[in-house]
């Protein structure tokens, strides 16, 4: 019998509350955080909101220039062969 890989589906964005919809639209517009990840998190709106707000505070706040943070994020992803 062949192995079956279960996959978590993307949430129907139209079924989410306004805040979640705005967060997904922002991810689509900005290209980060990964909008596919955000759509999966939509199954648990409180998780989506919490993750997105932490992401935003991390990447938009602080004293380190955002461009440097992006370069570090890309380098770490490359080092660990992360597709995202």
PDB file of N, CA and C in Angstrom:
ATOM      1  N   UNK A   1       0.841  -1.175   0.000  1.00  0.00           N
ATOM      2  CA  UNK A   1       0.000   0.000   0.000  1.00  0.00           C
ATOM      3  C   UNK A   1       0.890   1.245   0.000  1.00  0.00           C
ATOM      4  N   UNK A   2       0.579   2.171  -0.845  1.00  0.00           N
ATOM      5  CA  UNK A   2       1.372   3.395  -0.965  1.00  0.00           C
ATOM      6  C   UNK A   2       1.152   4.294   0.249  1.00  0.00           C
ATOM      7  N   UNK A   3       2.204   4.978   0.621  1.00  0.00           N
ATOM      8  CA  UNK A   3       2.080   5.945   1.712  1.00  0.00           C
ATOM      9  C   UNK A   3       1.229   7.115   1.243  1.00  0.00           C
ATOM     10  N   UNK A   4       0.377   7.583   2.115  1.00  0.00           N
ATOM     11  CA  UNK A   4      -0.461   8.729   1.825  1.00  0.00           C
ATOM     12  C   UNK A   4       0.039   9.898   2.669  1.00  0.00           C
ATOM     13  N   UNK A   5       0.288  11.002   2.007  1.00  0.00           N
ATOM     14  CA  UNK A   5       0.736  12.191   2.714  1.00  0.00           C
ATOM     15  C   UNK A   5      -0.474  13.085   2.955  1.00  0.00           C
ATOM     16  N   UNK A   6      -0.747  13.347   4.215  1.00  0.00           N
ATOM     17  CA  UNK A   6      -1.839  14.251   4.555  1.00  0.00           C
ATOM     18  C   UNK A   6      -1.330  15.678   4.451  1.00  0.00           C
ATOM     19  N   UNK A   7      -2.178  16.535   3.984  1.00  0.00           N
ATOM     20  CA  UNK A   7      -1.817  17.942   3.867  1.00  0.00           C
ATOM     21  C   UNK A   7      -2.883  18.799   4.537  1.00  0.00           C
ATOM     22  N   UNK A   8      -2.424  19.832   5.159  1.00  0.00           N
ATOM     23  CA  UNK A   8      -3.348  20.789   5.748  1.00  0.00           C
ATOM     24  C   UNK A   8      -3.774  21.736   4.635  1.00  0.00           C
ATOM     25  N   UNK A   9      -5.050  21.913   4.495  1.00  0.00           N
ATOM     26  CA  UNK A   9      -5.568  22.760   3.425  1.00  0.00           C
ATOM     27  C   UNK A   9      -5.489  24.236   3.800  1.00  0.00           C
ATOM     28  N   UNK A  10      -5.525  25.079   2.788  1.00  0.00           N
ATOM     29  CA  UNK A  10      -5.631  26.509   3.019  1.00  0.00           C
ATOM     30  C   UNK A  10      -7.055  26.800   3.481  1.00  0.00           C
ATOM     31  N   UNK A  11      -7.173  27.770   4.344  1.00  0.00           N
ATOM     32  CA  UNK A  11      -8.486  28.165   4.824  1.00  0.00           C
ATOM     33  C   UNK A  11      -9.183  29.005   3.751  1.00  0.00           C
ATOM     34  N   UNK A  12     -10.502  28.962   3.746  1.00  0.00           N
ATOM     35  CA  UNK A  12     -11.288  29.829   2.871  1.00  0.00           C
ATOM     36  C   UNK A  12     -11.230  31.235   3.467  1.00  0.00           C
ATOM     37  N   UNK A  13     -10.485  32.114   2.828  1.00  0.00           N
ATOM     38  CA  UNK A  13     -10.241  33.454   3.365  1.00  0.00           C
ATOM     39  C   UNK A  13     -11.549  34.206   3.603  1.00  0.00           C
ATOM     40  N   UNK A  14     -12.527  34.004   2.736  1.00  0.00           N
ATOM     41  CA  UNK A  14     -13.792  34.731   2.878  1.00  0.00           C
ATOM     42  C   UNK A  14     -14.547  34.329   4.141  1.00  0.00           C
ATOM     43  N   UNK A  15     -14.202  33.189   4.737  1.00  0.00           N
ATOM     44  CA  UNK A  15     -14.864  32.729   5.955  1.00  0.00           C
ATOM     45  C   UNK A  15     -14.238  33.327   7.215  1.00  0.00           C
ATOM     46  N   UNK A  16     -13.115  34.033   7.064  1.00  0.00           N
ATOM     47  CA  UNK A  16     -12.410  34.598   8.209  1.00  0.00           C
ATOM     48  C   UNK A  16     -12.936  35.979   8.572  1.00  0.00           C
ATOM     49  N   UNK A  17     -12.631  36.407   9.790  1.00  0.00           N
ATOM     50  CA  UNK A  17     -13.045  37.750  10.200  1.00  0.00           C
ATOM     51  C   UNK A  17     -12.221  38.805   9.462  1.00  0.00           C
ATOM     52  N   UNK A  18     -12.649  40.053   9.574  1.00  0.00           N
ATOM     53  CA  UNK A  18     -12.015  41.152   8.829  1.00  0.00           C
ATOM     54  C   UNK A  18     -10.529  41.294   9.141  1.00  0.00           C
ATOM     55  N   UNK A  19     -10.153  41.158  10.411  1.00  0.00           N
ATOM     56  CA  UNK A  19      -8.744  41.315  10.770  1.00  0.00           C
ATOM     57  C   UNK A  19      -7.883  40.251  10.087  1.00  0.00           C
ATOM     58  N   UNK A  20      -8.329  39.001  10.119  1.00  0.00           N
ATOM     59  CA  UNK A  20      -7.571  37.929   9.469  1.00  0.00           C
ATOM     60  C   UNK A  20      -7.475  38.166   7.967  1.00  0.00           C
ATOM     61  N   UNK A  21      -8.559  38.614   7.371  1.00  0.00           N
ATOM     62  CA  UNK A  21      -8.527  38.896   5.935  1.00  0.00           C
ATOM     63  C   UNK A  21      -7.522  39.997   5.613  1.00  0.00           C
ATOM     64  N   UNK A  22      -7.486  41.040   6.429  1.00  0.00           N
ATOM     65  CA  UNK A  22      -6.515  42.129   6.220  1.00  0.00           C
ATOM     66  C   UNK A  22      -5.080  41.630   6.371  1.00  0.00           C
ATOM     67  N   UNK A  23      -4.839  40.747   7.340  1.00  0.00           N
ATOM     68  CA  UNK A  23      -3.492  40.220   7.549  1.00  0.00           C
ATOM     69  C   UNK A  23      -3.044  39.373   6.352  1.00  0.00           C
ATOM     70  N   UNK A  24      -3.940  38.567   5.824  1.00  0.00           N
ATOM     71  CA  UNK A  24      -3.608  37.748   4.650  1.00  0.00           C
ATOM     72  C   UNK A  24      -3.365  38.645   3.441  1.00  0.00           C
ATOM     73  N   UNK A  25      -4.189  39.661   3.273  1.00  0.00           N
ATOM     74  CA  UNK A  25      -3.972  40.606   2.163  1.00  0.00           C
ATOM     75  C   UNK A  25      -2.609  41.304   2.296  1.00  0.00           C
ATOM     76  N   UNK A  26      -2.232  41.665   3.512  1.00  0.00           N
ATOM     77  CA  UNK A  26      -0.932  42.305   3.738  1.00  0.00           C
ATOM     78  C   UNK A  26       0.204  41.352   3.401  1.00  0.00           C
ATOM     79  N   UNK A  27       0.072  40.088   3.773  1.00  0.00           N
ATOM     80  CA  UNK A  27       1.102  39.092   3.451  1.00  0.00           C
ATOM     81  C   UNK A  27       1.217  38.919   1.940  1.00  0.00           C
ATOM     82  N   UNK A  28       0.082  38.892   1.249  1.00  0.00           N
ATOM     83  CA  UNK A  28       0.105  38.801  -0.218  1.00  0.00           C
ATOM     84  C   UNK A  28       0.797  40.021  -0.826  1.00  0.00           C
ATOM     85  N   UNK A  29       0.451  41.183  -0.326  1.00  0.00           N
ATOM     86  CA  UNK A  29       0.986  42.434  -0.863  1.00  0.00           C
ATOM     87  C   UNK A  29       2.491  42.572  -0.597  1.00  0.00           C
ATOM     88  N   UNK A  30       2.930  42.202   0.606  1.00  0.00           N
ATOM     89  CA  UNK A  30       4.322  42.385   1.005  1.00  0.00           C
ATOM     90  C   UNK A  30       5.227  41.201   0.666  1.00  0.00           C
ATOM     91  N   UNK A  31       4.630  40.055   0.381  1.00  0.00           N
ATOM     92  CA  UNK A  31       5.439  38.871   0.104  1.00  0.00           C
ATOM     93  C   UNK A  31       6.014  38.233   1.361  1.00  0.00           C
ATOM     94  N   UNK A  32       5.639  38.730   2.517  1.00  0.00           N
ATOM     95  CA  UNK A  32       6.112  38.182   3.782  1.00  0.00           C
ATOM     96  C   UNK A  32       5.159  38.627   4.883  1.00  0.00           C
ATOM     97  N   UNK A  33       4.916  37.810   5.881  1.00  0.00           N
ATOM     98  CA  UNK A  33       5.343  36.427   5.936  1.00  0.00           C
ATOM     99  C   UNK A  33       4.693  35.617   4.828  1.00  0.00           C
ATOM    100  N   UNK A  34       5.179  34.436   4.618  1.00  0.00           N
ATOM    101  CA  UNK A  34       4.709  33.593   3.534  1.00  0.00           C
ATOM    102  C   UNK A  34       3.193  33.448   3.609  1.00  0.00           C
ATOM    103  N   UNK A  35       2.509  33.872   2.558  1.00  0.00           N
ATOM    104  CA  UNK A  35       1.043  33.889   2.608  1.00  0.00           C
ATOM    105  C   UNK A  35       0.438  32.486   2.630  1.00  0.00           C
ATOM    106  N   UNK A  36       1.135  31.490   2.113  1.00  0.00           N
ATOM    107  CA  UNK A  36       0.620  30.116   2.212  1.00  0.00           C
ATOM    108  C   UNK A  36       0.608  29.654   3.665  1.00  0.00           C
ATOM    109  N   UNK A  37       1.659  29.975   4.397  1.00  0.00           N
ATOM    110  CA  UNK A  37       1.711  29.643   5.818  1.00  0.00           C
ATOM    111  C   UNK A  37       0.579  30.336   6.565  1.00  0.00           C
ATOM    112  N   UNK A  38       0.352  31.592   6.238  1.00  0.00           N
ATOM    113  CA  UNK A  38      -0.707  32.350   6.891  1.00  0.00           C
ATOM    114  C   UNK A  38      -2.078  31.751   6.576  1.00  0.00           C
ATOM    115  N   UNK A  39      -2.277  31.295   5.352  1.00  0.00           N
ATOM    116  CA  UNK A  39      -3.564  30.689   4.974  1.00  0.00           C
ATOM    117  C   UNK A  39      -3.802  29.376   5.715  1.00  0.00           C
ATOM    118  N   UNK A  40      -2.753  28.634   6.001  1.00  0.00           N
ATOM    119  CA  UNK A  40      -2.907  27.408   6.800  1.00  0.00           C
ATOM    120  C   UNK A  40      -3.232  27.782   8.243  1.00  0.00           C
ATOM    121  N   UNK A  41      -2.543  28.786   8.761  1.00  0.00           N
ATOM    122  CA  UNK A  41      -2.805  29.223  10.131  1.00  0.00           C
ATOM    123  C   UNK A  41      -4.232  29.745  10.302  1.00  0.00           C
ATOM    124  N   UNK A  42      -4.868  30.115   9.212  1.00  0.00           N
ATOM    125  CA  UNK A  42      -6.229  30.627   9.272  1.00  0.00           C
ATOM    126  C   UNK A  42      -7.224  29.656   9.868  1.00  0.00           C
ATOM    127  N   UNK A  43      -6.855  28.376   9.934  1.00  0.00           N
ATOM    128  CA  UNK A  43      -7.735  27.407  10.594  1.00  0.00           C
ATOM    129  C   UNK A  43      -7.844  27.709  12.087  1.00  0.00           C
ATOM    130  N   UNK A  44      -6.866  28.406  12.609  1.00  0.00           N
ATOM    131  CA  UNK A  44      -6.864  28.856  14.005  1.00  0.00           C
ATOM    132  C   UNK A  44      -6.583  30.356  14.002  1.00  0.00           C
ATOM    133  N   UNK A  45      -7.628  31.170  13.851  1.00  0.00           N
ATOM    134  CA  UNK A  45      -7.449  32.612  13.713  1.00  0.00           C
ATOM    135  C   UNK A  45      -6.589  33.247  14.807  1.00  0.00           C
ATOM    136  N   UNK A  46      -6.702  32.755  16.047  1.00  0.00           N
ATOM    137  CA  UNK A  46      -5.893  33.337  17.119  1.00  0.00           C
ATOM    138  C   UNK A  46      -4.400  33.077  16.882  1.00  0.00           C
ATOM    139  N   UNK A  47      -4.080  31.938  16.282  1.00  0.00           N
ATOM    140  CA  UNK A  47      -2.686  31.628  15.941  1.00  0.00           C
ATOM    141  C   UNK A  47      -2.218  32.529  14.808  1.00  0.00           C
ATOM    142  N   UNK A  48      -3.042  32.689  13.777  1.00  0.00           N
ATOM    143  CA  UNK A  48      -2.706  33.573  12.657  1.00  0.00           C
ATOM    144  C   UNK A  48      -2.419  34.985  13.159  1.00  0.00           C
ATOM    145  N   UNK A  49      -3.306  35.513  13.974  1.00  0.00           N
ATOM    146  CA  UNK A  49      -3.147  36.888  14.463  1.00  0.00           C
ATOM    147  C   UNK A  49      -1.895  37.027  15.329  1.00  0.00           C
ATOM    148  N   UNK A  50      -1.694  36.083  16.233  1.00  0.00           N
ATOM    149  CA  UNK A  50      -0.531  36.144  17.112  1.00  0.00           C
ATOM    150  C   UNK A  50       0.771  36.057  16.344  1.00  0.00           C
ATOM    151  N   UNK A  51       0.857  35.101  15.417  1.00  0.00           N
ATOM    152  CA  UNK A  51       2.069  34.946  14.618  1.00  0.00           C
ATOM    153  C   UNK A  51       2.343  36.208  13.797  1.00  0.00           C
ATOM    154  N   UNK A  52       1.321  36.722  13.146  1.00  0.00           N
ATOM    155  CA  UNK A  52       1.508  37.881  12.271  1.00  0.00           C
ATOM    156  C   UNK A  52       1.987  39.094  13.063  1.00  0.00           C
ATOM    157  N   UNK A  53       1.427  39.302  14.243  1.00  0.00           N
ATOM    158  CA  UNK A  53       1.825  40.468  15.034  1.00  0.00           C
ATOM    159  C   UNK A  53       3.257  40.320  15.562  1.00  0.00           C
ATOM    160  N   UNK A  54       3.657  39.116  15.923  1.00  0.00           N
ATOM    161  CA  UNK A  54       5.050  38.889  16.335  1.00  0.00           C
ATOM    162  C   UNK A  54       5.982  39.102  15.152  1.00  0.00           C
ATOM    163  N   UNK A  55       5.603  38.577  13.980  1.00  0.00           N
ATOM    164  CA  UNK A  55       6.410  38.759  12.768  1.00  0.00           C
ATOM    165  C   UNK A  55       6.600  40.252  12.488  1.00  0.00           C
ATOM    166  N   UNK A  56       5.505  40.976  12.529  1.00  0.00           N
ATOM    167  CA  UNK A  56       5.561  42.413  12.220  1.00  0.00           C
ATOM    168  C   UNK A  56       6.459  43.153  13.215  1.00  0.00           C
ATOM    169  N   UNK A  57       6.316  42.854  14.495  1.00  0.00           N
ATOM    170  CA  UNK A  57       7.137  43.511  15.514  1.00  0.00           C
ATOM    171  C   UNK A  57       8.612  43.176  15.326  1.00  0.00           C
ATOM    172  N   UNK A  58       8.889  41.939  14.939  1.00  0.00           N
ATOM    173  CA  UNK A  58      10.270  41.508  14.757  1.00  0.00           C
ATOM    174  C   UNK A  58      10.900  42.147  13.534  1.00  0.00           C
ATOM    175  N   UNK A  59      10.186  42.155  12.434  1.00  0.00           N
ATOM    176  CA  UNK A  59      10.786  42.612  11.185  1.00  0.00           C
ATOM    177  C   UNK A  59      10.596  44.098  10.909  1.00  0.00           C
ATOM    178  N   UNK A  60       9.637  44.740  11.542  1.00  0.00           N
ATOM    179  CA  UNK A  60       9.444  46.163  11.298  1.00  0.00           C
ATOM    180  C   UNK A  60       9.924  47.025  12.460  1.00  0.00           C
ATOM    181  N   UNK A  61      10.089  46.419  13.633  1.00  0.00           N
ATOM    182  CA  UNK A  61      10.524  47.175  14.794  1.00  0.00           C
ATOM    183  C   UNK A  61      12.009  47.004  15.051  1.00  0.00           C
ATOM    184  N   UNK A  62      12.453  47.569  16.151  1.00  0.00           N
ATOM    185  CA  UNK A  62      13.840  47.408  16.559  1.00  0.00           C
ATOM    186  C   UNK A  62      14.779  48.428  15.942  1.00  0.00           C
ATOM    187  N   UNK A  63      16.062  48.237  16.202  1.00  0.00           N
ATOM    188  CA  UNK A  63      17.070  49.193  15.752  1.00  0.00           C
ATOM    189  C   UNK A  63      17.855  48.724  14.540  1.00  0.00           C
ATOM    190  N   UNK A  64      17.722  47.461  14.177  1.00  0.00           N
ATOM    191  CA  UNK A  64      18.436  46.930  13.009  1.00  0.00           C
ATOM    192  C   UNK A  64      17.627  47.226  11.754  1.00  0.00           C
ATOM    193  N   UNK A  65      18.295  47.704  10.731  1.00  0.00           N
ATOM    194  CA  UNK A  65      17.644  48.047   9.476  1.00  0.00           C
ATOM    195  C   UNK A  65      16.903  46.831   8.896  1.00  0.00           C
ATOM    196  N   UNK A  66      15.703  47.066   8.402  1.00  0.00           N
ATOM    197  CA  UNK A  66      14.870  45.990   7.855  1.00  0.00           C
ATOM    198  C   UNK A  66      15.577  45.242   6.726  1.00  0.00           C
ATOM    199  N   UNK A  67      16.326  45.936   5.890  1.00  0.00           N
ATOM    200  CA  UNK A  67      17.021  45.276   4.782  1.00  0.00           C
ATOM    201  C   UNK A  67      18.030  44.253   5.301  1.00  0.00           C
ATOM    202  N   UNK A  68      18.724  44.581   6.387  1.00  0.00           N
ATOM    203  CA  UNK A  68      19.679  43.641   6.976  1.00  0.00           C
ATOM    204  C   UNK A  68      18.946  42.425   7.543  1.00  0.00           C
ATOM    205  N   UNK A  69      17.816  42.652   8.181  1.00  0.00           N
ATOM    206  CA  UNK A  69      17.023  41.529   8.697  1.00  0.00           C
ATOM    207  C   UNK A  69      16.610  40.598   7.562  1.00  0.00           C
ATOM    208  N   UNK A  70      16.216  41.161   6.434  1.00  0.00           N
ATOM    209  CA  UNK A  70      15.825  40.339   5.290  1.00  0.00           C
ATOM    210  C   UNK A  70      17.006  39.533   4.756  1.00  0.00           C
ATOM    211  N   UNK A  71      18.173  40.151   4.686  1.00  0.00           N
ATOM    212  CA  UNK A  71      19.366  39.428   4.236  1.00  0.00           C
ATOM    213  C   UNK A  71      19.698  38.275   5.177  1.00  0.00           C
ATOM    214  N   UNK A  72      19.594  38.511   6.479  1.00  0.00           N
ATOM    215  CA  UNK A  72      19.859  37.450   7.457  1.00  0.00           C
ATOM    216  C   UNK A  72      18.816  36.346   7.309  1.00  0.00           C
ATOM    217  N   UNK A  73      17.561  36.721   7.149  1.00  0.00           N
ATOM    218  CA  UNK A  73      16.486  35.720   6.995  1.00  0.00           C
ATOM    219  C   UNK A  73      16.744  34.840   5.774  1.00  0.00           C
ATOM    220  N   UNK A  74      17.142  35.457   4.682  1.00  0.00           N
ATOM    221  CA  UNK A  74      17.418  34.704   3.450  1.00  0.00           C
ATOM    222  C   UNK A  74      18.633  33.799   3.632  1.00  0.00           C
ATOM    223  N   UNK A  75      19.678  34.305   4.275  1.00  0.00           N
ATOM    224  CA  UNK A  75      20.887  33.507   4.493  1.00  0.00           C
ATOM    225  C   UNK A  75      20.594  32.305   5.385  1.00  0.00           C
ATOM    226  N   UNK A  76      19.836  32.498   6.450  1.00  0.00           N
ATOM    227  CA  UNK A  76      19.483  31.389   7.337  1.00  0.00           C
ATOM    228  C   UNK A  76      18.661  30.356   6.576  1.00  0.00           C
ATOM    229  N   UNK A  77      17.703  30.814   5.770  1.00  0.00           N
ATOM    230  CA  UNK A  77      16.903  29.891   4.969  1.00  0.00           C
ATOM    231  C   UNK A  77      17.789  29.098   4.015  1.00  0.00           C
ATOM    232  N   UNK A  78      18.759  29.765   3.410  1.00  0.00           N
ATOM    233  CA  UNK A  78      19.694  29.092   2.496  1.00  0.00           C
ATOM    234  C   UNK A  78      20.534  28.055   3.242  1.00  0.00           C
ATOM    235  N   UNK A  79      21.060  28.419   4.394  1.00  0.00           N
ATOM    236  CA  UNK A  79      21.887  27.503   5.172  1.00  0.00           C
ATOM    237  C   UNK A  79      21.154  26.220   5.551  1.00  0.00           C
ATOM    238  N   UNK A  80      19.861  26.354   5.810  1.00  0.00           N
ATOM    239  CA  UNK A  80      19.063  25.195   6.236  1.00  0.00           C
ATOM    240  C   UNK A  80      18.215  24.624   5.102  1.00  0.00           C
ATOM    241  N   UNK A  81      18.501  25.054   3.862  1.00  0.00           N
ATOM    242  CA  UNK A  81      17.807  24.570   2.676  1.00  0.00           C
ATOM    243  C   UNK A  81      16.287  24.695   2.808  1.00  0.00           C
ATOM    244  N   UNK A  82      15.856  25.820   3.363  1.00  0.00           N
ATOM    245  CA  UNK A  82      14.433  26.080   3.541  1.00  0.00           C
ATOM    246  C   UNK A  82      13.866  26.687   2.265  1.00  0.00           C
ATOM    247  N   UNK A  83      12.818  26.104   1.744  1.00  0.00           N
ATOM    248  CA  UNK A  83      12.206  26.579   0.508  1.00  0.00           C
ATOM    249  C   UNK A  83      11.509  27.914   0.617  1.00  0.00           C
ATOM    250  N   UNK A  84      11.211  28.327   1.855  1.00  0.00           N
ATOM    251  CA  UNK A  84      10.518  29.595   2.026  1.00  0.00           C
ATOM    252  C   UNK A  84      11.506  30.714   2.171  1.00  0.00           C
TER     253      UNK A  84
END
